[in-house]
Amino acid sequence: MNKKLAHIGKLIQKLRAERGITQERFAEKLCTSQSVIARIENGEQNLSTVMLSKISDTLDQDIVSVSDGAINIQIEGGAKLSGTVKTKTSKNGAVGLLCSSLLNKNKTVLKNVPKIEEVYRIIEVLESIGVSAKWNGNDLHIVPPKKISLSKINKESAI
């Protein structure tokens, strides 16, 4: 059994059950058989993008979204994520990573951050809403506050 198909199948099964739809009714809505639904939910059925789109529409929930040629699979679960991502150092990349660091509840360390005006301005904005940003050489350590306060945002730097 393919682990990815099994994971997608479990997600589909969970969403279907949450909506109170039986396998039989789900199959009718998708113009397929109940046995196909059972195989999908057990990770034993290959899925086309057309079928994934039909499933998403029927469940009113994106299972897979396609944008700019990339396929993104939404995974729901309680697993803690951690790790390292290597990116190219650039002004635009640094600004985006600084902003996205707010998604992490803990410390984010960005390595080899360019020390340029755009980066300093974003740091000013982040610090004005309670984010701690400390340089260690060319690395930037970012710690978001427990609660972000937009009422104190540095509007001048944000423009």
C-alpha atoms as a PDB file:
ATOM      1  CA  MET A   1       0.000   0.000   0.000  1.00  0.00           C
ATOM      2  CA  ASN A   2       1.282   3.465  -0.934  1.00  0.00           C
ATOM      3  CA  LYS A   3       1.655   5.574   2.239  1.00  0.00           C
ATOM      4  CA  LYS A   4       0.667   8.790   0.465  1.00  0.00           C
ATOM      5  CA  LEU A   5      -2.471   7.239  -0.989  1.00  0.00           C
ATOM      6  CA  ALA A   6      -3.302   5.790   2.417  1.00  0.00           C
ATOM      7  CA  HIS A   7      -2.909   9.201   4.038  1.00  0.00           C
ATOM      8  CA  ILE A   8      -5.063  10.895   1.408  1.00  0.00           C
ATOM      9  CA  GLY A   9      -7.626   8.106   1.766  1.00  0.00           C
ATOM     10  CA  LYS A  10      -7.816   8.602   5.537  1.00  0.00           C
ATOM     11  CA  LEU A  11      -8.262  12.349   5.040  1.00  0.00           C
ATOM     12  CA  ILE A  12     -11.093  11.751   2.560  1.00  0.00           C
ATOM     13  CA  GLN A  13     -12.710   9.221   4.899  1.00  0.00           C
ATOM     14  CA  LYS A  14     -12.497  11.654   7.820  1.00  0.00           C
ATOM     15  CA  LEU A  15     -14.005  14.534   5.840  1.00  0.00           C
ATOM     16  CA  ARG A  16     -16.779  12.325   4.442  1.00  0.00           C
ATOM     17  CA  ALA A  17     -17.657  11.002   7.903  1.00  0.00           C
ATOM     18  CA  GLU A  18     -17.621  14.513   9.412  1.00  0.00           C
ATOM     19  CA  ARG A  19     -20.235  15.507   6.845  1.00  0.00           C
ATOM     20  CA  GLY A  20     -22.396  12.487   7.622  1.00  0.00           C
ATOM     21  CA  ILE A  21     -22.152  11.091   4.090  1.00  0.00           C
ATOM     22  CA  THR A  22     -22.207   7.320   3.667  1.00  0.00           C
ATOM     23  CA  GLN A  23     -19.823   5.618   1.258  1.00  0.00           C
ATOM     24  CA  GLU A  24     -22.807   4.669  -0.885  1.00  0.00           C
ATOM     25  CA  ARG A  25     -24.121   8.255  -1.088  1.00  0.00           C
ATOM     26  CA  PHE A  26     -20.593   9.573  -1.675  1.00  0.00           C
ATOM     27  CA  ALA A  27     -20.182   7.104  -4.549  1.00  0.00           C
ATOM     28  CA  GLU A  28     -23.460   8.292  -6.099  1.00  0.00           C
ATOM     29  CA  LYS A  29     -22.337  11.915  -5.931  1.00  0.00           C
ATOM     30  CA  LEU A  30     -19.037  10.991  -7.594  1.00  0.00           C
ATOM     31  CA  CYS A  31     -20.682   8.745 -10.215  1.00  0.00           C
ATOM     32  CA  THR A  32     -18.716   5.711  -9.112  1.00  0.00           C
ATOM     33  CA  SER A  33     -19.261   2.603  -7.005  1.00  0.00           C
ATOM     34  CA  GLN A  34     -19.146   2.125  -3.247  1.00  0.00           C
ATOM     35  CA  SER A  35     -16.285  -0.361  -3.692  1.00  0.00           C
ATOM     36  CA  VAL A  36     -14.176   2.342  -5.384  1.00  0.00           C
ATOM     37  CA  ILE A  37     -14.814   4.648  -2.409  1.00  0.00           C
ATOM     38  CA  ALA A  38     -13.742   1.875  -0.035  1.00  0.00           C
ATOM     39  CA  ARG A  39     -10.519   1.357  -2.032  1.00  0.00           C
ATOM     40  CA  ILE A  40      -9.839   5.127  -2.070  1.00  0.00           C
ATOM     41  CA  GLU A  41     -10.311   5.376   1.685  1.00  0.00           C
ATOM     42  CA  ASN A  42      -8.065   2.349   2.234  1.00  0.00           C
ATOM     43  CA  GLY A  43      -5.327   3.823   0.034  1.00  0.00           C
ATOM     44  CA  GLU A  44      -5.722   1.062  -2.535  1.00  0.00           C
ATOM     45  CA  GLN A  45      -6.988   3.178  -5.446  1.00  0.00           C
ATOM     46  CA  ASN A  46      -4.906   5.488  -7.617  1.00  0.00           C
ATOM     47  CA  LEU A  47      -6.516   8.894  -7.889  1.00  0.00           C
ATOM     48  CA  SER A  48      -6.601  11.114 -10.934  1.00  0.00           C
ATOM     49  CA  THR A  49      -6.606  14.884 -10.610  1.00  0.00           C
ATOM     50  CA  VAL A  50     -10.135  14.819 -12.034  1.00  0.00           C
ATOM     51  CA  MET A  51     -11.302  12.470  -9.270  1.00  0.00           C
ATOM     52  CA  LEU A  52      -9.514  14.524  -6.595  1.00  0.00           C
ATOM     53  CA  SER A  53     -11.239  17.623  -7.934  1.00  0.00           C
ATOM     54  CA  LYS A  54     -14.653  15.897  -7.815  1.00  0.00           C
ATOM     55  CA  ILE A  55     -13.982  14.711  -4.263  1.00  0.00           C
ATOM     56  CA  SER A  56     -12.941  18.224  -3.212  1.00  0.00           C
ATOM     57  CA  ASP A  57     -16.091  19.711  -4.746  1.00  0.00           C
ATOM     58  CA  THR A  58     -18.342  17.083  -3.176  1.00  0.00           C
ATOM     59  CA  LEU A  59     -16.793  17.533   0.277  1.00  0.00           C
ATOM     60  CA  ASP A  60     -16.550  21.306  -0.155  1.00  0.00           C
ATOM     61  CA  GLN A  61     -12.928  21.049   0.989  1.00  0.00           C
ATOM     62  CA  ASP A  62      -9.722  21.234  -1.029  1.00  0.00           C
ATOM     63  CA  ILE A  63      -7.907  17.915  -0.935  1.00  0.00           C
ATOM     64  CA  VAL A  64      -5.338  19.071  -3.480  1.00  0.00           C
ATOM     65  CA  SER A  65      -4.852  22.568  -4.837  1.00  0.00           C
ATOM     66  CA  VAL A  66      -2.958  23.364  -8.009  1.00  0.00           C
ATOM     67  CA  SER A  67      -1.251  26.705  -8.483  1.00  0.00           C
ATOM     68  CA  ASP A  68       1.674  27.809 -10.629  1.00  0.00           C
ATOM     69  CA  GLY A  69       2.348  24.239 -11.650  1.00  0.00           C
ATOM     70  CA  ALA A  70       2.755  23.002  -8.060  1.00  0.00           C
ATOM     71  CA  ILE A  71       0.460  20.528  -6.385  1.00  0.00           C
ATOM     72  CA  ASN A  72      -0.108  21.102  -2.693  1.00  0.00           C
ATOM     73  CA  ILE A  73      -1.682  18.422  -0.554  1.00  0.00           C
ATOM     74  CA  GLN A  74      -3.362  19.616   2.606  1.00  0.00           C
ATOM     75  CA  ILE A  75      -2.460  17.425   5.535  1.00  0.00           C
ATOM     76  CA  GLU A  76      -4.360  17.708   8.779  1.00  0.00           C
ATOM     77  CA  GLY A  77      -2.961  16.241  11.927  1.00  0.00           C
ATOM     78  CA  GLY A  78      -1.284  16.830  15.228  1.00  0.00           C
ATOM     79  CA  ALA A  79       2.275  15.948  14.243  1.00  0.00           C
ATOM     80  CA  LYS A  80       4.891  18.482  15.314  1.00  0.00           C
ATOM     81  CA  LEU A  81       6.980  19.821  12.450  1.00  0.00           C
ATOM     82  CA  SER A  82      10.610  20.807  12.788  1.00  0.00           C
ATOM     83  CA  GLY A  83      13.651  20.958  10.612  1.00  0.00           C
ATOM     84  CA  THR A  84      15.806  23.060   8.361  1.00  0.00           C
ATOM     85  CA  VAL A  85      15.090  24.513   4.949  1.00  0.00           C
ATOM     86  CA  LYS A  86      17.871  25.810   2.685  1.00  0.00           C
ATOM     87  CA  THR A  87      16.933  28.814   0.595  1.00  0.00           C
ATOM     88  CA  LYS A  88      18.862  31.158  -1.635  1.00  0.00           C
ATOM     89  CA  THR A  89      19.791  34.433  -0.015  1.00  0.00           C
ATOM     90  CA  SER A  90      18.133  37.367  -1.685  1.00  0.00           C
ATOM     91  CA  LYS A  91      16.377  40.543  -0.670  1.00  0.00           C
ATOM     92  CA  ASN A  92      12.940  39.278  -1.675  1.00  0.00           C
ATOM     93  CA  GLY A  93      13.542  35.883  -0.119  1.00  0.00           C
ATOM     94  CA  ALA A  94      14.682  37.412   3.161  1.00  0.00           C
ATOM     95  CA  VAL A  95      11.681  39.738   3.399  1.00  0.00           C
ATOM     96  CA  GLY A  96       9.275  36.851   2.745  1.00  0.00           C
ATOM     97  CA  LEU A  97      10.987  34.598   5.274  1.00  0.00           C
ATOM     98  CA  LEU A  98      10.957  37.336   7.913  1.00  0.00           C
ATOM     99  CA  CYS A  99       7.202  37.698   7.529  1.00  0.00           C
ATOM    100  CA  SER A 100       6.569  33.961   7.399  1.00  0.00           C
ATOM    101  CA  SER A 101       8.566  33.477  10.605  1.00  0.00           C
ATOM    102  CA  LEU A 102       5.437  34.717  12.406  1.00  0.00           C
ATOM    103  CA  LEU A 103       3.810  31.377  11.570  1.00  0.00           C
ATOM    104  CA  ASN A 104       6.251  29.652  13.914  1.00  0.00           C
ATOM    105  CA  LYS A 105       5.311  29.916  17.593  1.00  0.00           C
ATOM    106  CA  ASN A 106       8.937  29.383  18.619  1.00  0.00           C
ATOM    107  CA  LYS A 107      12.299  30.802  17.606  1.00  0.00           C
ATOM    108  CA  THR A 108      13.186  30.934  13.924  1.00  0.00           C
ATOM    109  CA  VAL A 109      16.810  31.307  12.867  1.00  0.00           C
ATOM    110  CA  LEU A 110      17.462  32.736   9.422  1.00  0.00           C
ATOM    111  CA  LYS A 111      21.056  32.290   8.289  1.00  0.00           C
ATOM    112  CA  ASN A 112      23.032  34.621   6.030  1.00  0.00           C
ATOM    113  CA  VAL A 113      20.344  37.298   5.954  1.00  0.00           C
ATOM    114  CA  PRO A 114      21.388  40.253   3.792  1.00  0.00           C
ATOM    115  CA  LYS A 115      21.823  43.414   5.868  1.00  0.00           C
ATOM    116  CA  ILE A 116      19.973  45.799   3.591  1.00  0.00           C
ATOM    117  CA  GLU A 117      17.395  48.543   4.025  1.00  0.00           C
ATOM    118  CA  GLU A 118      14.366  46.394   3.114  1.00  0.00           C
ATOM    119  CA  VAL A 119      15.315  43.801   5.731  1.00  0.00           C
ATOM    120  CA  TYR A 120      15.875  46.472   8.395  1.00  0.00           C
ATOM    121  CA  ARG A 121      12.471  48.021   7.634  1.00  0.00           C
ATOM    122  CA  ILE A 122      10.656  44.695   7.990  1.00  0.00           C
ATOM    123  CA  ILE A 123      12.498  44.090  11.264  1.00  0.00           C
ATOM    124  CA  GLU A 124      11.292  47.510  12.489  1.00  0.00           C
ATOM    125  CA  VAL A 125       7.719  46.569  11.615  1.00  0.00           C
ATOM    126  CA  LEU A 126       8.028  43.165  13.290  1.00  0.00           C
ATOM    127  CA  GLU A 127       9.574  44.644  16.432  1.00  0.00           C
ATOM    128  CA  SER A 128       6.784  47.224  16.620  1.00  0.00           C
ATOM    129  CA  ILE A 129       4.242  44.387  16.953  1.00  0.00           C
ATOM    130  CA  GLY A 130       6.231  42.649  19.671  1.00  0.00           C
ATOM    131  CA  VAL A 131       8.570  40.367  17.728  1.00  0.00           C
ATOM    132  CA  SER A 132      12.103  39.932  19.077  1.00  0.00           C
ATOM    133  CA  ALA A 133      14.718  40.078  16.308  1.00  0.00           C
ATOM    134  CA  LYS A 134      18.381  39.712  17.280  1.00  0.00           C
ATOM    135  CA  TRP A 135      21.400  39.553  14.997  1.00  0.00           C
ATOM    136  CA  ASN A 136      24.161  37.026  15.603  1.00  0.00           C
ATOM    137  CA  GLY A 137      26.683  37.779  12.863  1.00  0.00           C
ATOM    138  CA  ASN A 138      24.734  37.360   9.618  1.00  0.00           C
ATOM    139  CA  ASP A 139      22.119  35.151  11.273  1.00  0.00           C
ATOM    140  CA  LEU A 140      18.855  36.566  12.541  1.00  0.00           C
ATOM    141  CA  HIS A 141      17.044  35.024  15.514  1.00  0.00           C
ATOM    142  CA  ILE A 142      13.321  35.800  15.497  1.00  0.00           C
ATOM    143  CA  VAL A 143      10.930  35.077  18.360  1.00  0.00           C
ATOM    144  CA  PRO A 144       7.278  36.082  17.979  1.00  0.00           C
ATOM    145  CA  PRO A 145       5.297  37.289  20.979  1.00  0.00           C
ATOM    146  CA  LYS A 146       2.610  35.094  22.504  1.00  0.00           C
ATOM    147  CA  LYS A 147       0.078  37.561  21.105  1.00  0.00           C
ATOM    148  CA  ILE A 148       0.716  39.974  18.255  1.00  0.00           C
ATOM    149  CA  SER A 149      -0.517  43.517  18.825  1.00  0.00           C
ATOM    150  CA  LEU A 150      -1.198  45.241  15.517  1.00  0.00           C
ATOM    151  CA  SER A 151      -2.385  48.385  17.298  1.00  0.00           C
ATOM    152  CA  LYS A 152       1.254  49.377  17.876  1.00  0.00           C
ATOM    153  CA  ILE A 153       2.493  48.662  14.351  1.00  0.00           C
ATOM    154  CA  ASN A 154       5.100  51.082  13.024  1.00  0.00           C
ATOM    155  CA  LYS A 155       3.056  52.411  10.104  1.00  0.00           C
ATOM    156  CA  GLU A 156       5.888  54.580   8.828  1.00  0.00           C
ATOM    157  CA  SER A 157       8.175  51.572   8.383  1.00  0.00           C
ATOM    158  CA  ALA A 158       5.338  49.470   6.997  1.00  0.00           C
ATOM    159  CA  ILE A 159       4.714  51.861   4.092  1.00  0.00           C
END
